[in-house]
């Protein structure tokens, strides 16, 4: 919902201007309407702007476009977005939105969705020069979504009901000399309840579950976001609604795409979840704490993607695992991987240079290898693992490493694995192996794992993995390439 409001207001004000503070006039309302239509099209009834004192009341109604969609058995309803805007001078505007909001859609025999917001309150200050909000704050209360989905093959029906008691957020943007912005944002969700029920095949019991989350908090930072250039692309497509028009002016499109690069310099989002429980027919799962992070560069020569997640205190219902696994099932996971060493800009520029949208395919046949070479000039991608962890009551295992994945050969790199409590784990599994085949199988792997380990002064063990020598995998100096299936072929 936050994205919907930001987009609506951005499109609304991206080219509007106010050179003086004065009472609202019909003439200025008409000019704002024309500005809006640059981004939303000129379909009658979609955009309406009315002066009201010092403000302008802007109504964005998607109904005319929805009516044109007109697919049998499909119905879509979206409340109009009603914004109040007031010029502040210097190309800045106060923007606000209040009141309830509802949306929904249905596809006969497939799914229905019904969403309602009981109360929302959003305010922001929009800057024309950068097409971005310098500040923004919003509050949503009692947001509900009810959904029904029908499996097309089994006809099993799943009903889901979700409630967000509170949904708040903020954002700020700082203009940069190059016309882009550095922005930060927060989003805080509280009192989340989601319940689902699936009616399985006739005669089978229904599948039920419910999720409760006390709160989830998000924080995002984006640097060098080219908001104005991206909106210019939106306006261009609105002005070219057909393939013929796009093909005719495709050089304009190419110029605008290049002007928008790299879209942003870097984007980082972090989320934390607190006190989550999942109730199922076999018992309740509890997750006291979890976190997720995603970071990525824009379409630049320094292509990079980082993904990380961690959970702490995970508990599962009793009885779903054999008794001997007590203390062995992990309650903590940490994973942090970064992929880099690729060029995201070069393939885009190559496509822009080569593409002819009048042809199918638009790029010359046989040019695909050139795109791979542009994407990965070293014919490889670099992966790094940091601060990894798997821990349970009886042990802890940590890991880190850095590898080069070669597209025309085996990966190379190094990794370090450390573990405390391995002997305790072995003792427990060995005791269970006398009666449990699964424990017997696990025992073989654990014995081999320990065999390659090296004891450390603190009582733990370490495995130093070295894959830097061609055709070899060394673990603490021992070549295990044959066991890893990487041994070189025999000489003839």
Protein backbone atom coordinates (compact mmCIF):
# COMPACT_ATOMS: atom_id res chain seq x y z
CA UNK A 1 0.00 0.00 0.00
CA UNK A 2 2.92 2.29 0.72
CA UNK A 3 4.25 1.70 -2.80
CA UNK A 4 0.82 2.42 -4.27
CA UNK A 5 0.63 5.81 -2.62
CA UNK A 6 4.19 6.79 -3.47
CA UNK A 7 3.68 5.84 -7.09
CA UNK A 8 0.37 7.66 -7.36
CA UNK A 9 1.74 10.86 -5.90
CA UNK A 10 4.97 10.64 -7.89
CA UNK A 11 3.06 10.33 -11.12
CA UNK A 12 0.78 13.12 -10.01
CA UNK A 13 3.41 15.71 -9.32
CA UNK A 14 6.35 14.73 -11.47
CA UNK A 15 5.99 17.68 -13.85
CA UNK A 16 3.69 20.00 -11.95
CA UNK A 17 5.05 23.42 -10.94
CA UNK A 18 3.93 26.17 -8.62
CA UNK A 19 5.67 29.48 -9.04
CA UNK A 20 3.69 31.35 -6.42
CA UNK A 21 1.62 30.55 -3.38
CA UNK A 22 -1.97 31.52 -4.12
CA UNK A 23 -5.53 30.26 -3.91
CA UNK A 24 -6.16 27.28 -6.13
CA UNK A 25 -7.50 28.13 -9.59
CA UNK A 26 -9.30 26.19 -12.34
CA UNK A 27 -6.48 27.07 -14.72
CA UNK A 28 -3.83 25.50 -12.49
CA UNK A 29 -6.10 22.49 -11.92
CA UNK A 30 -6.31 22.00 -15.67
CA UNK A 31 -2.55 22.22 -15.99
CA UNK A 32 -2.04 19.66 -13.20
CA UNK A 33 -4.54 17.41 -14.96
CA UNK A 34 -2.55 17.60 -18.18
CA UNK A 35 0.64 16.87 -16.24
CA UNK A 36 -0.92 13.81 -14.64
CA UNK A 37 -2.12 12.52 -17.97
CA UNK A 38 1.48 12.49 -19.14
CA UNK A 39 1.95 9.53 -16.83
CA UNK A 40 -1.53 8.03 -16.54
CA UNK A 41 -2.88 8.57 -20.04
CA UNK A 42 -5.78 10.71 -21.18
CA UNK A 43 -8.60 8.16 -20.78
CA UNK A 44 -11.67 10.17 -19.68
CA UNK A 45 -12.56 9.75 -16.01
CA UNK A 46 -9.15 8.53 -14.85
CA UNK A 47 -7.82 11.90 -13.70
CA UNK A 48 -9.83 14.67 -12.04
CA UNK A 49 -8.37 17.77 -10.36
CA UNK A 50 -10.58 20.29 -8.55
CA UNK A 51 -9.53 23.50 -6.76
CA UNK A 52 -10.65 23.77 -3.13
CA UNK A 53 -9.48 26.83 -1.21
CA UNK A 54 -5.69 26.74 -1.24
CA UNK A 55 -5.66 23.04 -2.13
CA UNK A 56 -6.27 20.86 -5.14
CA UNK A 57 -8.26 17.64 -4.72
CA UNK A 58 -6.90 15.04 -7.09
CA UNK A 59 -8.88 11.89 -7.84
CA UNK A 60 -7.22 9.02 -9.68
CA UNK A 61 -9.82 6.47 -10.72
CA UNK A 62 -8.67 3.27 -12.47
CA UNK A 63 -12.25 2.19 -13.28
CA UNK A 64 -12.20 3.31 -16.97
CA UNK A 65 -9.07 1.25 -17.61
CA UNK A 66 -10.51 -1.70 -15.72
CA UNK A 67 -13.64 -1.53 -17.88
CA UNK A 68 -11.48 -1.76 -21.00
CA UNK A 69 -9.86 -4.93 -19.67
CA UNK A 70 -13.21 -6.73 -19.93
CA UNK A 71 -12.18 -10.38 -19.58
CA UNK A 72 -15.04 -12.90 -19.18
CA UNK A 73 -15.36 -14.10 -15.59
CA UNK A 74 -12.86 -11.53 -14.28
CA UNK A 75 -13.89 -8.64 -12.06
CA UNK A 76 -11.59 -6.00 -10.56
CA UNK A 77 -12.55 -3.22 -8.16
CA UNK A 78 -10.20 -0.53 -6.88
CA UNK A 79 -11.29 2.48 -4.91
CA UNK A 80 -10.18 5.79 -6.43
CA UNK A 81 -7.06 7.33 -4.89
CA UNK A 82 -7.97 10.78 -3.55
CA UNK A 83 -5.07 13.10 -2.79
CA UNK A 84 -5.00 16.60 -1.35
CA UNK A 85 -2.10 18.68 -2.65
CA UNK A 86 -0.98 22.20 -1.83
CA UNK A 87 1.92 24.15 -3.37
CA UNK A 88 4.68 25.16 -0.95
CA UNK A 89 6.70 27.14 -3.49
CA UNK A 90 10.15 26.38 -4.91
CA UNK A 91 8.75 23.41 -6.75
CA UNK A 92 7.61 21.56 -3.63
CA UNK A 93 4.16 20.31 -2.65
CA UNK A 94 2.41 19.07 0.45
CA UNK A 95 0.56 15.83 -0.35
CA UNK A 96 -1.86 13.91 1.87
CA UNK A 97 -4.36 11.08 1.76
CA UNK A 98 -6.86 10.06 4.43
CA UNK A 99 -9.79 7.71 4.91
CA UNK A 100 -10.59 4.06 4.24
CA UNK A 101 -9.61 2.17 1.12
CA UNK A 102 -10.84 -1.04 -0.51
CA UNK A 103 -9.77 -3.24 -3.40
CA UNK A 104 -10.59 -6.65 -4.76
CA UNK A 105 -10.75 -8.90 -7.76
CA UNK A 106 -12.15 -12.26 -8.75
CA UNK A 107 -11.55 -14.77 -11.50
CA UNK A 108 -14.46 -17.17 -11.79
CA UNK A 109 -13.52 -20.66 -10.60
CA UNK A 110 -9.94 -19.60 -9.78
CA UNK A 111 -9.62 -17.00 -7.04
CA UNK A 112 -11.18 -14.05 -5.24
CA UNK A 113 -9.47 -11.34 -3.19
CA UNK A 114 -11.09 -8.76 -0.94
CA UNK A 115 -8.95 -6.15 0.80
CA UNK A 116 -9.96 -3.31 3.11
CA UNK A 117 -8.14 -0.62 5.05
CA UNK A 118 -10.26 0.78 7.87
CA UNK A 119 -8.15 3.90 8.33
CA UNK A 120 -5.14 5.44 6.63
CA UNK A 121 -3.32 8.73 7.06
CA UNK A 122 -0.45 9.70 4.79
CA UNK A 123 1.44 12.98 4.37
CA UNK A 124 4.51 13.89 2.37
CA UNK A 125 6.48 16.68 0.74
CA UNK A 126 7.15 16.16 -2.96
CA UNK A 127 10.01 17.79 -4.86
CA UNK A 128 9.48 18.40 -8.59
CA UNK A 129 13.15 18.65 -9.53
CA UNK A 130 13.94 15.10 -8.41
CA UNK A 131 10.43 13.60 -8.71
CA UNK A 132 10.87 12.25 -5.18
CA UNK A 133 9.38 12.72 -1.73
CA UNK A 134 11.71 14.64 0.55
CA UNK A 135 9.70 13.34 3.50
CA UNK A 136 6.80 10.92 3.86
CA UNK A 137 4.92 9.43 6.82
CA UNK A 138 1.97 7.06 6.80
CA UNK A 139 -0.20 5.08 9.20
CA UNK A 140 -2.57 2.24 8.32
CA UNK A 141 -4.89 0.63 10.85
CA UNK A 142 -6.85 -2.60 10.56
CA UNK A 143 -5.81 -3.78 7.10
CA UNK A 144 -7.61 -7.02 6.19
CA UNK A 145 -7.24 -9.31 3.19
CA UNK A 146 -9.50 -12.30 2.52
CA UNK A 147 -8.63 -14.63 -0.32
CA UNK A 148 -10.06 -17.81 -1.84
CA UNK A 149 -8.09 -19.91 -4.31
CA UNK A 150 -9.23 -23.03 -6.17
CA UNK A 151 -6.73 -25.57 -7.48
CA UNK A 152 -7.56 -26.04 -11.18
CA UNK A 153 -6.70 -29.76 -11.16
CA UNK A 154 -7.99 -31.01 -7.80
CA UNK A 155 -10.61 -28.28 -7.21
CA UNK A 156 -9.38 -28.05 -3.63
CA UNK A 157 -10.32 -24.70 -2.14
CA UNK A 158 -8.04 -22.66 0.10
CA UNK A 159 -9.43 -19.80 2.16
CA UNK A 160 -6.98 -17.32 3.70
CA UNK A 161 -7.77 -14.45 6.06
CA UNK A 162 -5.08 -11.99 7.10
CA UNK A 163 -5.17 -8.99 9.44
CA UNK A 164 -2.54 -6.29 9.94
CA UNK A 165 -3.44 -4.40 13.08
CA UNK A 166 -0.99 -1.60 12.38
CA UNK A 167 1.19 -0.66 9.39
CA UNK A 168 3.32 2.48 9.60
CA UNK A 169 6.27 3.88 7.72
CA UNK A 170 8.49 6.84 6.93
CA UNK A 171 10.81 7.93 4.14
CA UNK A 172 13.27 10.71 3.43
CA UNK A 173 15.15 11.70 0.27
CA UNK A 174 18.19 13.93 -0.19
CA UNK A 175 18.77 15.36 -3.70
CA UNK A 176 22.21 14.96 -5.25
CA UNK A 177 23.90 17.28 -7.75
CA UNK A 178 23.52 14.73 -10.56
CA UNK A 179 19.69 14.81 -10.21
CA UNK A 180 19.39 11.47 -8.40
CA UNK A 181 18.48 11.06 -4.73
CA UNK A 182 19.72 9.20 -1.69
CA UNK A 183 16.72 7.90 0.23
CA UNK A 184 15.92 5.99 3.39
CA UNK A 185 12.70 4.33 4.46
CA UNK A 186 11.17 2.37 7.30
CA UNK A 187 8.13 0.12 7.50
CA UNK A 188 6.72 -1.31 10.73
CA UNK A 189 4.01 -3.97 10.84
CA UNK A 190 2.40 -5.11 14.09
CA UNK A 191 -0.30 -7.55 15.11
CA UNK A 192 -0.19 -9.78 12.03
CA UNK A 193 -2.54 -12.76 11.98
CA UNK A 194 -3.01 -15.01 8.97
CA UNK A 195 -5.12 -18.17 8.96
CA UNK A 196 -5.66 -20.61 6.09
CA UNK A 197 -7.86 -23.63 5.52
CA UNK A 198 -7.66 -25.99 2.56
CA UNK A 199 -10.52 -28.35 1.73
CA UNK A 200 -8.64 -31.33 0.37
CA UNK A 201 -10.03 -34.21 -1.68
CA UNK A 202 -13.48 -35.52 -0.69
CA UNK A 203 -13.26 -37.56 2.49
CA UNK A 204 -9.85 -36.20 3.48
CA UNK A 205 -9.47 -33.89 6.49
CA UNK A 206 -8.96 -30.19 5.78
CA UNK A 207 -5.50 -28.67 6.13
CA UNK A 208 -5.42 -25.76 8.57
CA UNK A 209 -2.72 -23.44 9.81
CA UNK A 210 -2.42 -19.99 11.34
CA UNK A 211 0.48 -17.56 11.61
CA UNK A 212 0.86 -14.93 14.32
CA UNK A 213 3.60 -12.32 14.18
CA UNK A 214 3.94 -9.70 16.91
CA UNK A 215 5.87 -7.31 14.68
CA UNK A 216 8.07 -7.03 11.61
CA UNK A 217 10.28 -4.01 10.97
CA UNK A 218 11.92 -3.01 7.68
CA UNK A 219 14.64 -0.45 6.99
CA UNK A 220 15.83 0.43 3.48
CA UNK A 221 18.52 2.66 2.02
CA UNK A 222 18.91 3.50 -1.65
CA UNK A 223 21.71 5.62 -3.05
CA UNK A 224 21.75 7.40 -6.39
CA UNK A 225 18.13 6.56 -7.26
CA UNK A 226 17.28 8.12 -10.65
CA UNK A 227 13.64 8.81 -9.91
CA UNK A 228 13.18 11.55 -12.53
CA UNK A 229 14.78 9.53 -15.34
CA UNK A 230 12.65 6.50 -14.47
CA UNK A 231 9.46 8.58 -14.53
CA UNK A 232 10.54 9.97 -17.90
CA UNK A 233 10.54 6.36 -19.14
CA UNK A 234 7.01 5.89 -17.79
CA UNK A 235 5.86 9.04 -19.60
CA UNK A 236 7.47 7.86 -22.83
CA UNK A 237 5.59 4.55 -22.78
CA UNK A 238 2.32 6.36 -22.03
CA UNK A 239 2.95 8.52 -25.11
CA UNK A 240 3.68 5.39 -27.18
CA UNK A 241 0.77 3.02 -26.43
CA UNK A 242 1.24 0.75 -29.47
CA UNK A 243 4.02 -1.40 -30.86
CA UNK A 244 4.03 0.63 -34.06
CA UNK A 245 4.69 3.87 -32.17
CA UNK A 246 7.38 2.23 -30.03
CA UNK A 247 9.17 0.87 -33.11
CA UNK A 248 8.91 4.22 -34.89
CA UNK A 249 10.59 6.08 -32.03
CA UNK A 250 12.76 3.31 -30.63
CA UNK A 251 15.87 5.48 -30.71
CA UNK A 252 14.17 7.82 -28.25
CA UNK A 253 13.46 4.84 -26.02
CA UNK A 254 17.09 3.72 -26.19
CA UNK A 255 18.29 7.20 -25.25
CA UNK A 256 15.95 7.30 -22.25
CA UNK A 257 16.98 3.84 -21.08
CA UNK A 258 20.64 4.84 -21.17
CA UNK A 259 19.84 8.11 -19.37
CA UNK A 260 18.19 6.14 -16.55
CA UNK A 261 21.17 3.86 -15.94
CA UNK A 262 22.21 2.59 -13.49
CA UNK A 263 18.65 3.11 -12.07
CA UNK A 264 20.29 3.25 -8.63
CA UNK A 265 23.80 2.83 -7.28
CA UNK A 266 23.04 0.59 -4.31
CA UNK A 267 19.95 -0.69 -2.51
CA UNK A 268 19.90 -2.33 0.91
CA UNK A 269 16.87 -3.65 2.80
CA UNK A 270 16.89 -5.23 6.26
CA UNK A 271 13.95 -6.84 8.04
CA UNK A 272 13.54 -8.20 11.56
CA UNK A 273 10.68 -10.37 12.81
CA UNK A 274 9.79 -10.84 16.48
CA UNK A 275 7.66 -13.48 18.21
CA UNK A 276 6.29 -15.51 15.32
CA UNK A 277 4.29 -18.70 15.84
CA UNK A 278 2.80 -21.11 13.32
CA UNK A 279 -0.01 -23.36 14.54
CA UNK A 280 -0.63 -26.52 12.51
CA UNK A 281 -2.43 -29.82 12.92
CA UNK A 282 0.79 -31.45 14.16
CA UNK A 283 1.54 -28.73 16.71
CA UNK A 284 3.01 -25.25 16.98
CA UNK A 285 6.29 -23.92 15.63
CA UNK A 286 7.80 -20.89 17.37
CA UNK A 287 10.31 -18.41 15.99
CA UNK A 288 11.23 -15.76 18.57
CA UNK A 289 13.58 -13.86 16.27
CA UNK A 290 14.41 -13.76 12.56
CA UNK A 291 16.12 -11.33 10.22
CA UNK A 292 16.49 -10.96 6.48
CA UNK A 293 18.73 -8.72 4.38
CA UNK A 294 18.98 -8.03 0.66
CA UNK A 295 21.46 -5.70 -0.99
CA UNK A 296 22.08 -5.08 -4.65
CA UNK A 297 23.84 -2.66 -6.92
CA UNK A 298 22.08 -1.07 -9.84
CA UNK A 299 22.69 -1.79 -13.51
CA UNK A 300 26.40 -1.06 -13.22
CA UNK A 301 29.73 -2.61 -14.07
CA UNK A 302 30.10 -3.58 -10.41
CA UNK A 303 27.19 -6.01 -10.29
CA UNK A 304 26.56 -7.34 -6.81
CA UNK A 305 23.80 -9.16 -4.93
CA UNK A 306 23.83 -10.01 -1.22
CA UNK A 307 21.24 -12.15 0.54
CA UNK A 308 21.30 -13.01 4.22
CA UNK A 309 18.91 -14.50 6.75
CA UNK A 310 19.03 -15.74 10.28
CA UNK A 311 16.68 -17.36 12.78
CA UNK A 312 17.20 -17.72 16.52
CA UNK A 313 15.31 -19.85 19.04
CA UNK A 314 13.38 -22.01 16.56
CA UNK A 315 11.29 -24.67 18.30
CA UNK A 316 9.17 -27.42 16.78
CA UNK A 317 6.31 -29.45 18.20
CA UNK A 318 7.26 -32.66 20.02
CA UNK A 319 6.89 -35.98 18.27
CA UNK A 320 7.77 -34.98 14.71
CA UNK A 321 11.35 -36.26 15.03
CA UNK A 322 12.78 -39.36 16.77
CA UNK A 323 13.57 -38.88 20.49
CA UNK A 324 17.30 -39.33 19.92
CA UNK A 325 17.38 -36.12 17.85
CA UNK A 326 16.57 -34.06 20.96
CA UNK A 327 19.29 -31.43 21.19
CA UNK A 328 20.44 -32.10 17.61
CA UNK A 329 17.78 -30.25 15.63
CA UNK A 330 19.13 -26.73 15.03
CA UNK A 331 17.49 -23.77 16.74
CA UNK A 332 19.76 -21.18 15.11
CA UNK A 333 20.60 -20.65 11.43
CA UNK A 334 22.65 -17.88 9.86
CA UNK A 335 23.35 -17.56 6.14
CA UNK A 336 25.03 -14.65 4.35
CA UNK A 337 26.05 -14.92 0.69
CA UNK A 338 27.31 -12.29 -1.73
CA UNK A 339 27.58 -12.77 -5.50
CA UNK A 340 29.68 -10.30 -7.47
CA UNK A 341 32.30 -9.99 -10.18
CA UNK A 342 29.82 -9.52 -13.03
CA UNK A 343 28.94 -6.57 -15.26
CA UNK A 344 25.23 -5.70 -15.39
CA UNK A 345 25.69 -2.56 -17.47
CA UNK A 346 27.52 -3.97 -20.48
CA UNK A 347 24.75 -6.42 -21.57
CA UNK A 348 22.14 -3.65 -21.37
CA UNK A 349 24.26 -1.29 -23.45
CA UNK A 350 24.94 -4.10 -25.93
CA UNK A 351 21.20 -4.77 -26.26
CA UNK A 352 20.47 -1.07 -26.75
CA UNK A 353 23.11 -0.89 -29.47
CA UNK A 354 22.01 -4.07 -31.27
CA UNK A 355 18.26 -4.20 -30.82
CA UNK A 356 15.82 -3.48 -33.61
CA UNK A 357 12.32 -3.75 -32.11
CA UNK A 358 10.82 -4.09 -35.58
CA UNK A 359 12.42 -7.54 -35.88
CA UNK A 360 11.65 -10.85 -34.18
CA UNK A 361 13.90 -11.58 -32.38
CA UNK A 362 15.10 -8.01 -31.88
CA UNK A 363 18.79 -9.00 -31.62
CA UNK A 364 20.79 -10.78 -34.34
CA UNK A 365 20.71 -14.56 -34.27
CA UNK A 366 23.78 -16.10 -32.70
CA UNK A 367 24.66 -13.06 -30.60
CA UNK A 368 23.85 -14.74 -27.28
CA UNK A 369 27.50 -15.64 -26.47
CA UNK A 370 28.38 -11.96 -26.71
CA UNK A 371 25.88 -11.21 -23.92
CA UNK A 372 27.40 -13.86 -21.67
CA UNK A 373 30.86 -12.41 -22.33
CA UNK A 374 29.56 -8.94 -21.53
CA UNK A 375 27.88 -10.16 -18.34
CA UNK A 376 30.87 -12.19 -17.12
CA UNK A 377 34.03 -10.85 -18.77
CA UNK A 378 36.15 -13.25 -16.70
CA UNK A 379 33.80 -16.16 -17.49
CA UNK A 380 33.11 -16.58 -13.81
CA UNK A 381 31.21 -15.24 -10.82
CA UNK A 382 32.52 -14.74 -7.29
CA UNK A 383 30.60 -16.09 -4.29
CA UNK A 384 31.44 -15.37 -0.67
CA UNK A 385 29.93 -16.81 2.51
CA UNK A 386 30.26 -14.87 5.77
CA UNK A 387 29.36 -15.55 9.40
CA UNK A 388 27.43 -18.73 8.65
CA UNK A 389 26.14 -20.70 11.61
CA UNK A 390 24.11 -23.80 12.47
CA UNK A 391 23.59 -24.36 16.20
CA UNK A 392 21.55 -26.57 18.52
CA UNK A 393 21.55 -27.27 22.24
CA UNK A 394 24.42 -29.77 21.91
CA UNK A 395 26.68 -28.22 19.27
CA UNK A 396 27.52 -25.20 17.15
CA UNK A 397 28.96 -25.06 13.63
CA UNK A 398 30.24 -21.93 11.91
CA UNK A 399 31.53 -21.42 8.39
CA UNK A 400 32.90 -18.84 5.96
CA UNK A 401 34.41 -19.01 2.51
CA UNK A 402 35.06 -17.40 -0.85
CA UNK A 403 34.78 -19.15 -4.21
CA UNK A 404 35.05 -18.38 -7.87
CA UNK A 405 32.47 -20.27 -9.92
CA UNK A 406 34.02 -20.78 -13.33
CA UNK A 407 31.58 -21.24 -16.21
CA UNK A 408 34.09 -23.37 -18.11
CA UNK A 409 35.68 -25.33 -15.28
CA UNK A 410 35.54 -26.38 -11.66
CA UNK A 411 35.04 -23.85 -8.86
CA UNK A 412 38.06 -22.60 -6.94
CA UNK A 413 38.38 -21.03 -3.51
CA UNK A 414 38.74 -21.66 0.20
CA UNK A 415 36.43 -22.20 3.14
CA UNK A 416 36.76 -22.72 6.88
CA UNK A 417 34.34 -24.78 8.99
CA UNK A 418 34.52 -24.92 12.79
CA UNK A 419 32.46 -27.05 15.15
CA UNK A 420 32.11 -27.52 18.87
CA UNK A 421 30.26 -30.48 20.37
CA UNK A 422 30.95 -33.02 17.62
CA UNK A 423 31.89 -35.75 20.09
CA UNK A 424 28.63 -35.25 21.98
CA UNK A 425 26.70 -35.50 18.72
CA UNK A 426 28.56 -38.69 17.77
CA UNK A 427 27.83 -40.28 21.14
CA UNK A 428 24.12 -39.56 20.87
CA UNK A 429 23.84 -40.79 17.27
CA UNK A 430 25.93 -43.89 18.04
CA UNK A 431 23.61 -44.85 20.86
CA UNK A 432 20.60 -44.53 18.58
CA UNK A 433 22.28 -46.35 15.68
CA UNK A 434 21.77 -49.73 17.36
CA UNK A 435 18.03 -49.55 16.67
CA UNK A 436 17.42 -46.75 14.15
CA UNK A 437 18.53 -47.14 10.48
CA UNK A 438 18.45 -43.36 10.01
CA UNK A 439 20.89 -42.92 12.86
CA UNK A 440 23.10 -45.64 11.36
CA UNK A 441 23.25 -43.74 8.07
CA UNK A 442 24.00 -40.45 9.84
CA UNK A 443 26.73 -42.14 11.88
CA UNK A 444 28.77 -43.04 8.79
CA UNK A 445 28.80 -39.46 7.54
CA UNK A 446 29.69 -38.03 10.95
CA UNK A 447 32.62 -40.43 11.41
CA UNK A 448 34.04 -39.47 8.01
CA UNK A 449 33.46 -35.79 8.78
CA UNK A 450 35.39 -36.06 12.04
CA UNK A 451 38.16 -38.03 10.35
CA UNK A 452 39.16 -35.06 8.22
CA UNK A 453 38.92 -32.57 11.09
CA UNK A 454 41.72 -31.03 13.12
CA UNK A 455 41.46 -30.41 16.85
CA UNK A 456 41.78 -26.86 18.14
CA UNK A 457 42.96 -25.57 21.51
CA UNK A 458 39.44 -24.64 22.64
CA UNK A 459 38.22 -28.22 22.21
CA UNK A 460 36.53 -27.63 18.89
CA UNK A 461 37.49 -28.89 15.46
CA UNK A 462 38.32 -27.13 12.22
CA UNK A 463 38.14 -28.10 8.55
CA UNK A 464 40.18 -25.88 6.24
CA UNK A 465 38.97 -26.49 2.69
CA UNK A 466 41.30 -25.50 -0.17
CA UNK A 467 40.16 -25.73 -3.79
CA UNK A 468 42.79 -23.41 -5.26
CA UNK A 469 44.89 -26.16 -6.88
CA UNK A 470 43.50 -27.47 -10.19
CA UNK A 471 41.71 -30.77 -9.79
CA UNK A 472 42.26 -30.96 -6.03
CA UNK A 473 40.11 -30.55 -2.95
CA UNK A 474 42.23 -30.31 0.17
CA UNK A 475 40.76 -30.60 3.67
CA UNK A 476 43.36 -29.76 6.27
CA UNK A 477 45.97 -30.60 3.64
CA UNK A 478 44.47 -34.01 2.73
CA UNK A 479 43.39 -34.43 -0.90
CA UNK A 480 39.79 -35.67 -0.94
CA UNK A 481 39.12 -34.90 -4.60
CA UNK A 482 38.35 -38.55 -5.33
CA UNK A 483 35.65 -38.59 -2.66
CA UNK A 484 34.27 -35.30 -4.04
CA UNK A 485 34.08 -36.71 -7.56
CA UNK A 486 36.73 -34.28 -8.80
CA UNK A 487 39.67 -36.62 -9.35
CA UNK A 488 41.34 -36.16 -12.75
CA UNK A 489 40.66 -38.86 -15.35
CA UNK A 490 43.24 -41.69 -15.51
CA UNK A 491 46.08 -41.25 -17.96
CA UNK A 492 45.91 -43.42 -21.10
